């Protein structure tokens, strides 16, 4: 399909793109525009006309790709960074970190955090994502429940599965769940606190390489938390005897 070009004299600070796109590109463009406008104005405040104008497509595109406005909104909430980030492990060795029965290792945690932090590499869109998620908490439509089930729970379950195997447990107990949320929490802070971090120490999130370095450091720090939980369990077991 052809994305419609806007007039060159438009006063809009974000003029619509002027290029020919295939279906995947047009869909991604719609998602990016929807992510920004929904985050700024909420579900009710962002009009489909404004979204399509920003994306440079006609109104029929929403029905074609997403069914309706709600379908577009749910996709913007559910799909990480509007499909701009490839969060899959890059090679066979990395994929092996997440095989069933795999235990916690520094390499596995580095891959986990690289996947988790990947949206930060696109800068402004990651802020729109967090703002949209906060809006969804205040004005729920049910879209966040889908995101939790399809994105957040699988990532959490993957981490818990490795911890269970590493600690030699049959299933995760409450302390292991606490540990898993603490590990994930150290990464979540860099999404929630982007503006604060960039004012205090902008180099932390300054580039894709900086974000990869952050993933490596978080893996090391998390190994410290895991070892602390092992030590706590050993002491508790000793005291119980």
C-alpha atoms as a PDB file:
ATOM      1  CA  UNK A   1       0.000   0.000   0.000  1.00  0.00           C
ATOM      2  CA  UNK A   2       1.071   3.623  -0.409  1.00  0.00           C
ATOM      3  CA  UNK A   3       1.458   5.826   2.633  1.00  0.00           C
ATOM      4  CA  UNK A   4      -0.106   9.185   1.775  1.00  0.00           C
ATOM      5  CA  UNK A   5       2.309  12.134   1.808  1.00  0.00           C
ATOM      6  CA  UNK A   6       1.290  15.273   3.717  1.00  0.00           C
ATOM      7  CA  UNK A   7       1.669  18.794   2.321  1.00  0.00           C
ATOM      8  CA  UNK A   8       5.159  20.220   2.633  1.00  0.00           C
ATOM      9  CA  UNK A   9       3.865  23.408   4.242  1.00  0.00           C
ATOM     10  CA  UNK A  10       2.212  21.592   7.133  1.00  0.00           C
ATOM     11  CA  UNK A  11       2.857  23.181  10.522  1.00  0.00           C
ATOM     12  CA  UNK A  12       2.812  19.819  12.304  1.00  0.00           C
ATOM     13  CA  UNK A  13       6.023  19.130  14.281  1.00  0.00           C
ATOM     14  CA  UNK A  14       5.746  15.473  13.234  1.00  0.00           C
ATOM     15  CA  UNK A  15       4.898  15.512   9.519  1.00  0.00           C
ATOM     16  CA  UNK A  16       3.677  12.237   8.096  1.00  0.00           C
ATOM     17  CA  UNK A  17       6.271  10.214   6.202  1.00  0.00           C
ATOM     18  CA  UNK A  18       6.291  10.182   2.437  1.00  0.00           C
ATOM     19  CA  UNK A  19       7.338   6.795   1.138  1.00  0.00           C
ATOM     20  CA  UNK A  20       6.010   3.571  -0.260  1.00  0.00           C
ATOM     21  CA  UNK A  21       5.644   0.855   2.360  1.00  0.00           C
ATOM     22  CA  UNK A  22       4.647  -2.754   2.353  1.00  0.00           C
ATOM     23  CA  UNK A  23       2.021  -4.081   4.757  1.00  0.00           C
ATOM     24  CA  UNK A  24       4.445  -4.709   7.616  1.00  0.00           C
ATOM     25  CA  UNK A  25       5.894  -1.190   7.391  1.00  0.00           C
ATOM     26  CA  UNK A  26       2.475   0.432   7.255  1.00  0.00           C
ATOM     27  CA  UNK A  27       1.286  -1.558  10.256  1.00  0.00           C
ATOM     28  CA  UNK A  28       4.418  -0.664  12.247  1.00  0.00           C
ATOM     29  CA  UNK A  29       3.987   3.012  11.327  1.00  0.00           C
ATOM     30  CA  UNK A  30       0.416   2.951  12.588  1.00  0.00           C
ATOM     31  CA  UNK A  31       1.545   1.340  15.836  1.00  0.00           C
ATOM     32  CA  UNK A  32       4.269   3.906  16.428  1.00  0.00           C
ATOM     33  CA  UNK A  33       1.862   6.776  15.867  1.00  0.00           C
ATOM     34  CA  UNK A  34      -0.779   5.126  18.047  1.00  0.00           C
ATOM     35  CA  UNK A  35       1.746   4.496  20.813  1.00  0.00           C
ATOM     36  CA  UNK A  36       2.692   8.174  20.898  1.00  0.00           C
ATOM     37  CA  UNK A  37      -0.816   9.631  20.654  1.00  0.00           C
ATOM     38  CA  UNK A  38      -2.444   7.153  23.039  1.00  0.00           C
ATOM     39  CA  UNK A  39       0.320   7.830  25.586  1.00  0.00           C
ATOM     40  CA  UNK A  40      -0.226  11.583  25.263  1.00  0.00           C
ATOM     41  CA  UNK A  41      -4.029  11.675  25.165  1.00  0.00           C
ATOM     42  CA  UNK A  42      -5.281   8.313  26.401  1.00  0.00           C
ATOM     43  CA  UNK A  43      -7.628   5.926  24.620  1.00  0.00           C
ATOM     44  CA  UNK A  44     -10.584   8.309  24.526  1.00  0.00           C
ATOM     45  CA  UNK A  45      -8.573  11.445  23.802  1.00  0.00           C
ATOM     46  CA  UNK A  46      -6.628  10.165  20.785  1.00  0.00           C
ATOM     47  CA  UNK A  47      -8.736  10.146  17.632  1.00  0.00           C
ATOM     48  CA  UNK A  48      -8.278   7.599  14.878  1.00  0.00           C
ATOM     49  CA  UNK A  49      -8.130  10.440  12.386  1.00  0.00           C
ATOM     50  CA  UNK A  50      -5.176  12.033  14.218  1.00  0.00           C
ATOM     51  CA  UNK A  51      -3.387   8.688  14.462  1.00  0.00           C
ATOM     52  CA  UNK A  52      -3.796   7.971  10.764  1.00  0.00           C
ATOM     53  CA  UNK A  53      -2.713  11.488   9.833  1.00  0.00           C
ATOM     54  CA  UNK A  54       0.461  11.111  11.924  1.00  0.00           C
ATOM     55  CA  UNK A  55       1.136   7.722  10.346  1.00  0.00           C
ATOM     56  CA  UNK A  56       0.385   8.938   6.817  1.00  0.00           C
ATOM     57  CA  UNK A  57      -2.248   6.305   6.107  1.00  0.00           C
ATOM     58  CA  UNK A  58      -5.979   6.388   5.455  1.00  0.00           C
ATOM     59  CA  UNK A  59      -8.616   5.567   8.063  1.00  0.00           C
ATOM     60  CA  UNK A  60      -9.376   2.218   6.464  1.00  0.00           C
ATOM     61  CA  UNK A  61      -5.898   1.026   7.482  1.00  0.00           C
ATOM     62  CA  UNK A  62      -6.948   0.688  11.121  1.00  0.00           C
ATOM     63  CA  UNK A  63      -9.816  -1.631  10.200  1.00  0.00           C
ATOM     64  CA  UNK A  64      -7.574  -3.596   7.817  1.00  0.00           C
ATOM     65  CA  UNK A  65      -4.743  -4.221  10.289  1.00  0.00           C
ATOM     66  CA  UNK A  66      -6.412  -4.062  13.704  1.00  0.00           C
ATOM     67  CA  UNK A  67     -10.183  -4.339  13.275  1.00  0.00           C
ATOM     68  CA  UNK A  68     -11.034  -1.126  15.110  1.00  0.00           C
ATOM     69  CA  UNK A  69      -9.644   1.530  17.432  1.00  0.00           C
ATOM     70  CA  UNK A  70      -9.677  -0.789  20.447  1.00  0.00           C
ATOM     71  CA  UNK A  71      -7.740  -3.406  18.515  1.00  0.00           C
ATOM     72  CA  UNK A  72      -5.131  -0.792  17.623  1.00  0.00           C
ATOM     73  CA  UNK A  73      -4.936   0.360  21.243  1.00  0.00           C
ATOM     74  CA  UNK A  74      -4.496  -3.176  22.541  1.00  0.00           C
ATOM     75  CA  UNK A  75      -1.716  -3.794  20.030  1.00  0.00           C
ATOM     76  CA  UNK A  76       0.042  -0.585  21.095  1.00  0.00           C
ATOM     77  CA  UNK A  77      -0.090  -1.712  24.737  1.00  0.00           C
ATOM     78  CA  UNK A  78       0.696  -5.371  24.063  1.00  0.00           C
ATOM     79  CA  UNK A  79       3.432  -5.330  21.423  1.00  0.00           C
ATOM     80  CA  UNK A  80       6.783  -4.183  22.859  1.00  0.00           C
ATOM     81  CA  UNK A  81       7.871  -0.949  21.229  1.00  0.00           C
ATOM     82  CA  UNK A  82       5.338  -1.369  18.437  1.00  0.00           C
ATOM     83  CA  UNK A  83       7.308  -4.271  16.966  1.00  0.00           C
ATOM     84  CA  UNK A  84      10.522  -2.276  16.590  1.00  0.00           C
ATOM     85  CA  UNK A  85      12.590  -4.445  18.942  1.00  0.00           C
ATOM     86  CA  UNK A  86      13.725  -7.983  18.284  1.00  0.00           C
ATOM     87  CA  UNK A  87      13.819  -9.519  21.737  1.00  0.00           C
ATOM     88  CA  UNK A  88      14.754 -13.048  20.672  1.00  0.00           C
ATOM     89  CA  UNK A  89      18.172 -14.409  21.704  1.00  0.00           C
ATOM     90  CA  UNK A  90      20.663 -13.910  18.918  1.00  0.00           C
ATOM     91  CA  UNK A  91      22.258 -17.328  18.505  1.00  0.00           C
ATOM     92  CA  UNK A  92      21.952 -21.008  19.377  1.00  0.00           C
ATOM     93  CA  UNK A  93      24.194 -20.691  22.439  1.00  0.00           C
ATOM     94  CA  UNK A  94      22.032 -17.901  23.838  1.00  0.00           C
ATOM     95  CA  UNK A  95      18.829 -19.809  23.095  1.00  0.00           C
ATOM     96  CA  UNK A  96      20.278 -22.698  25.093  1.00  0.00           C
ATOM     97  CA  UNK A  97      20.267 -20.470  28.176  1.00  0.00           C
ATOM     98  CA  UNK A  98      16.495 -20.822  28.268  1.00  0.00           C
ATOM     99  CA  UNK A  99      16.098 -24.518  27.535  1.00  0.00           C
ATOM    100  CA  UNK A 100      13.859 -26.404  30.002  1.00  0.00           C
ATOM    101  CA  UNK A 101      15.969 -27.409  32.986  1.00  0.00           C
ATOM    102  CA  UNK A 102      18.562 -24.686  32.383  1.00  0.00           C
ATOM    103  CA  UNK A 103      19.897 -23.172  35.600  1.00  0.00           C
ATOM    104  CA  UNK A 104      20.902 -19.647  36.453  1.00  0.00           C
ATOM    105  CA  UNK A 105      24.239 -18.494  35.088  1.00  0.00           C
ATOM    106  CA  UNK A 106      25.861 -15.139  34.479  1.00  0.00           C
ATOM    107  CA  UNK A 107      25.452 -15.679  30.730  1.00  0.00           C
ATOM    108  CA  UNK A 108      21.751 -16.535  31.074  1.00  0.00           C
ATOM    109  CA  UNK A 109      21.100 -13.421  33.157  1.00  0.00           C
ATOM    110  CA  UNK A 110      22.970 -11.235  30.672  1.00  0.00           C
ATOM    111  CA  UNK A 111      20.751 -12.528  27.865  1.00  0.00           C
ATOM    112  CA  UNK A 112      17.667 -12.072  30.055  1.00  0.00           C
ATOM    113  CA  UNK A 113      18.518  -8.427  30.788  1.00  0.00           C
ATOM    114  CA  UNK A 114      19.503  -7.681  27.190  1.00  0.00           C
ATOM    115  CA  UNK A 115      16.048  -8.862  26.109  1.00  0.00           C
ATOM    116  CA  UNK A 116      14.337  -6.971  28.907  1.00  0.00           C
ATOM    117  CA  UNK A 117      16.167  -3.680  28.347  1.00  0.00           C
ATOM    118  CA  UNK A 118      16.047  -3.774  24.541  1.00  0.00           C
ATOM    119  CA  UNK A 119      13.150  -1.249  24.255  1.00  0.00           C
ATOM    120  CA  UNK A 120      15.331   1.393  25.934  1.00  0.00           C
ATOM    121  CA  UNK A 121      17.465   1.455  22.797  1.00  0.00           C
ATOM    122  CA  UNK A 122      14.784   3.299  20.861  1.00  0.00           C
ATOM    123  CA  UNK A 123      14.761   6.209  23.284  1.00  0.00           C
ATOM    124  CA  UNK A 124      11.643   8.352  23.073  1.00  0.00           C
ATOM    125  CA  UNK A 125       9.336   5.471  22.156  1.00  0.00           C
ATOM    126  CA  UNK A 126      10.227   3.672  25.380  1.00  0.00           C
ATOM    127  CA  UNK A 127       8.962   6.729  27.277  1.00  0.00           C
ATOM    128  CA  UNK A 128       5.717   6.587  25.333  1.00  0.00           C
ATOM    129  CA  UNK A 129       5.409   2.909  26.228  1.00  0.00           C
ATOM    130  CA  UNK A 130       5.817   3.551  29.969  1.00  0.00           C
ATOM    131  CA  UNK A 131       3.442   6.536  29.844  1.00  0.00           C
ATOM    132  CA  UNK A 132       0.840   4.432  28.052  1.00  0.00           C
ATOM    133  CA  UNK A 133       1.179   1.649  30.616  1.00  0.00           C
ATOM    134  CA  UNK A 134       0.689   4.153  33.436  1.00  0.00           C
ATOM    135  CA  UNK A 135      -2.412   5.512  31.696  1.00  0.00           C
ATOM    136  CA  UNK A 136      -3.741   1.984  31.366  1.00  0.00           C
ATOM    137  CA  UNK A 137      -3.364   1.492  35.121  1.00  0.00           C
ATOM    138  CA  UNK A 138      -5.370   4.675  35.781  1.00  0.00           C
ATOM    139  CA  UNK A 139      -7.943   4.207  33.007  1.00  0.00           C
ATOM    140  CA  UNK A 140      -8.017   0.425  32.484  1.00  0.00           C
ATOM    141  CA  UNK A 141      -9.432  -1.039  29.298  1.00  0.00           C
ATOM    142  CA  UNK A 142      -8.274  -4.619  29.896  1.00  0.00           C
ATOM    143  CA  UNK A 143      -5.447  -4.265  27.375  1.00  0.00           C
ATOM    144  CA  UNK A 144      -2.815  -4.433  30.117  1.00  0.00           C
ATOM    145  CA  UNK A 145      -4.138  -7.821  31.204  1.00  0.00           C
ATOM    146  CA  UNK A 146      -3.335  -9.110  27.722  1.00  0.00           C
ATOM    147  CA  UNK A 147       0.153  -7.605  27.921  1.00  0.00           C
ATOM    148  CA  UNK A 148       0.719  -9.255  31.297  1.00  0.00           C
ATOM    149  CA  UNK A 149      -0.393 -12.647  30.003  1.00  0.00           C
ATOM    150  CA  UNK A 150       1.421 -12.496  26.674  1.00  0.00           C
ATOM    151  CA  UNK A 151       4.605 -10.559  27.526  1.00  0.00           C
ATOM    152  CA  UNK A 152       5.287 -10.175  31.244  1.00  0.00           C
ATOM    153  CA  UNK A 153       4.235 -13.572  32.602  1.00  0.00           C
ATOM    154  CA  UNK A 154       6.318 -15.596  30.093  1.00  0.00           C
ATOM    155  CA  UNK A 155       9.451 -13.536  30.877  1.00  0.00           C
ATOM    156  CA  UNK A 156       8.838 -13.933  34.611  1.00  0.00           C
ATOM    157  CA  UNK A 157       8.103 -17.645  34.284  1.00  0.00           C
ATOM    158  CA  UNK A 158      11.335 -18.161  32.343  1.00  0.00           C
ATOM    159  CA  UNK A 159      13.368 -16.554  35.130  1.00  0.00           C
ATOM    160  CA  UNK A 160      11.515 -18.460  37.868  1.00  0.00           C
ATOM    161  CA  UNK A 161      12.015 -21.750  36.001  1.00  0.00           C
ATOM    162  CA  UNK A 162      15.784 -21.217  35.977  1.00  0.00           C
ATOM    163  CA  UNK A 163      15.800 -20.266  39.671  1.00  0.00           C
ATOM    164  CA  UNK A 164      13.771 -23.344  40.599  1.00  0.00           C
ATOM    165  CA  UNK A 165      16.236 -25.566  38.749  1.00  0.00           C
ATOM    166  CA  UNK A 166      19.214 -23.788  40.289  1.00  0.00           C
ATOM    167  CA  UNK A 167      17.901 -24.078  43.848  1.00  0.00           C
ATOM    168  CA  UNK A 168      16.868 -27.702  43.341  1.00  0.00           C
ATOM    169  CA  UNK A 169      13.206 -27.106  44.176  1.00  0.00           C
ATOM    170  CA  UNK A 170      10.097 -28.779  42.799  1.00  0.00           C
ATOM    171  CA  UNK A 171       8.288 -25.454  42.495  1.00  0.00           C
ATOM    172  CA  UNK A 172       8.853 -21.824  43.371  1.00  0.00           C
ATOM    173  CA  UNK A 173       8.148 -20.921  46.992  1.00  0.00           C
ATOM    174  CA  UNK A 174       7.325 -17.389  48.140  1.00  0.00           C
ATOM    175  CA  UNK A 175      10.952 -16.508  48.823  1.00  0.00           C
ATOM    176  CA  UNK A 176      11.942 -17.547  45.325  1.00  0.00           C
ATOM    177  CA  UNK A 177       9.112 -15.419  43.944  1.00  0.00           C
ATOM    178  CA  UNK A 178      10.364 -12.515  46.040  1.00  0.00           C
ATOM    179  CA  UNK A 179      13.837 -13.028  44.634  1.00  0.00           C
ATOM    180  CA  UNK A 180      12.548 -13.152  41.051  1.00  0.00           C
ATOM    181  CA  UNK A 181      10.618  -9.890  41.474  1.00  0.00           C
ATOM    182  CA  UNK A 182      13.689  -8.233  42.996  1.00  0.00           C
ATOM    183  CA  UNK A 183      15.814  -9.296  40.015  1.00  0.00           C
ATOM    184  CA  UNK A 184      13.242  -8.007  37.535  1.00  0.00           C
ATOM    185  CA  UNK A 185      12.696  -4.888  39.643  1.00  0.00           C
ATOM    186  CA  UNK A 186      16.265  -3.658  39.233  1.00  0.00           C
ATOM    187  CA  UNK A 187      15.648  -3.530  35.467  1.00  0.00           C
ATOM    188  CA  UNK A 188      12.144  -2.032  35.693  1.00  0.00           C
ATOM    189  CA  UNK A 189      13.559   1.002  37.492  1.00  0.00           C
ATOM    190  CA  UNK A 190      15.467   2.033  34.372  1.00  0.00           C
ATOM    191  CA  UNK A 191      12.175   2.270  32.466  1.00  0.00           C
ATOM    192  CA  UNK A 192      10.207   4.052  35.176  1.00  0.00           C
ATOM    193  CA  UNK A 193      13.047   6.400  36.123  1.00  0.00           C
ATOM    194  CA  UNK A 194      14.439   7.271  32.687  1.00  0.00           C
ATOM    195  CA  UNK A 195      14.073  11.026  33.120  1.00  0.00           C
ATOM    196  CA  UNK A 196      15.614  10.953  36.596  1.00  0.00           C
ATOM    197  CA  UNK A 197      18.524   8.769  35.491  1.00  0.00           C
ATOM    198  CA  UNK A 198      19.258  10.963  32.483  1.00  0.00           C
ATOM    199  CA  UNK A 199      19.342  14.072  34.689  1.00  0.00           C
ATOM    200  CA  UNK A 200      21.597  12.508  37.317  1.00  0.00           C
ATOM    201  CA  UNK A 201      23.872  10.343  35.165  1.00  0.00           C
ATOM    202  CA  UNK A 202      23.006  10.534  31.443  1.00  0.00           C
ATOM    203  CA  UNK A 203      25.780   8.162  30.424  1.00  0.00           C
ATOM    204  CA  UNK A 204      23.958   5.180  31.943  1.00  0.00           C
ATOM    205  CA  UNK A 205      21.404   5.106  29.096  1.00  0.00           C
ATOM    206  CA  UNK A 206      23.304   7.139  26.521  1.00  0.00           C
ATOM    207  CA  UNK A 207      23.623   4.541  23.739  1.00  0.00           C
ATOM    208  CA  UNK A 208      22.808   0.951  22.770  1.00  0.00           C
ATOM    209  CA  UNK A 209      26.253  -0.055  23.968  1.00  0.00           C
ATOM    210  CA  UNK A 210      25.647   1.660  27.322  1.00  0.00           C
ATOM    211  CA  UNK A 211      22.400  -0.280  27.674  1.00  0.00           C
ATOM    212  CA  UNK A 212      24.189  -3.553  26.866  1.00  0.00           C
ATOM    213  CA  UNK A 213      26.768  -2.695  29.529  1.00  0.00           C
ATOM    214  CA  UNK A 214      23.922  -2.036  31.960  1.00  0.00           C
ATOM    215  CA  UNK A 215      22.519  -5.505  31.169  1.00  0.00           C
ATOM    216  CA  UNK A 216      25.919  -7.051  31.915  1.00  0.00           C
ATOM    217  CA  UNK A 217      26.171  -5.197  35.247  1.00  0.00           C
ATOM    218  CA  UNK A 218      22.629  -6.091  36.290  1.00  0.00           C
ATOM    219  CA  UNK A 219      23.481  -9.741  35.659  1.00  0.00           C
ATOM    220  CA  UNK A 220      26.432  -9.466  38.039  1.00  0.00           C
ATOM    221  CA  UNK A 221      24.383  -7.649  40.686  1.00  0.00           C
ATOM    222  CA  UNK A 222      21.610 -10.239  40.383  1.00  0.00           C
ATOM    223  CA  UNK A 223      24.060 -13.064  40.936  1.00  0.00           C
ATOM    224  CA  UNK A 224      24.852 -11.319  44.232  1.00  0.00           C
ATOM    225  CA  UNK A 225      21.171 -11.354  45.200  1.00  0.00           C
ATOM    226  CA  UNK A 226      20.910 -15.028  44.283  1.00  0.00           C
ATOM    227  CA  UNK A 227      23.945 -15.895  46.393  1.00  0.00           C
ATOM    228  CA  UNK A 228      22.477 -13.915  49.303  1.00  0.00           C
ATOM    229  CA  UNK A 229      19.275 -15.988  49.073  1.00  0.00           C
ATOM    230  CA  UNK A 230      21.317 -19.198  49.013  1.00  0.00           C
ATOM    231  CA  UNK A 231      23.137 -18.056  52.140  1.00  0.00           C
ATOM    232  CA  UNK A 232      19.873 -17.165  53.870  1.00  0.00           C
ATOM    233  CA  UNK A 233      18.440 -20.588  53.099  1.00  0.00           C
ATOM    234  CA  UNK A 234      21.543 -22.336  54.410  1.00  0.00           C
ATOM    235  CA  UNK A 235      21.356 -20.392  57.666  1.00  0.00           C
ATOM    236  CA  UNK A 236      17.613 -21.066  58.025  1.00  0.00           C
ATOM    237  CA  UNK A 237      18.147 -24.789  57.446  1.00  0.00           C
ATOM    238  CA  UNK A 238      20.979 -24.897  59.961  1.00  0.00           C
ATOM    239  CA  UNK A 239      18.905 -23.059  62.571  1.00  0.00           C
ATOM    240  CA  UNK A 240      15.996 -25.477  62.075  1.00  0.00           C
ATOM    241  CA  UNK A 241      18.106 -28.533  62.922  1.00  0.00           C
END
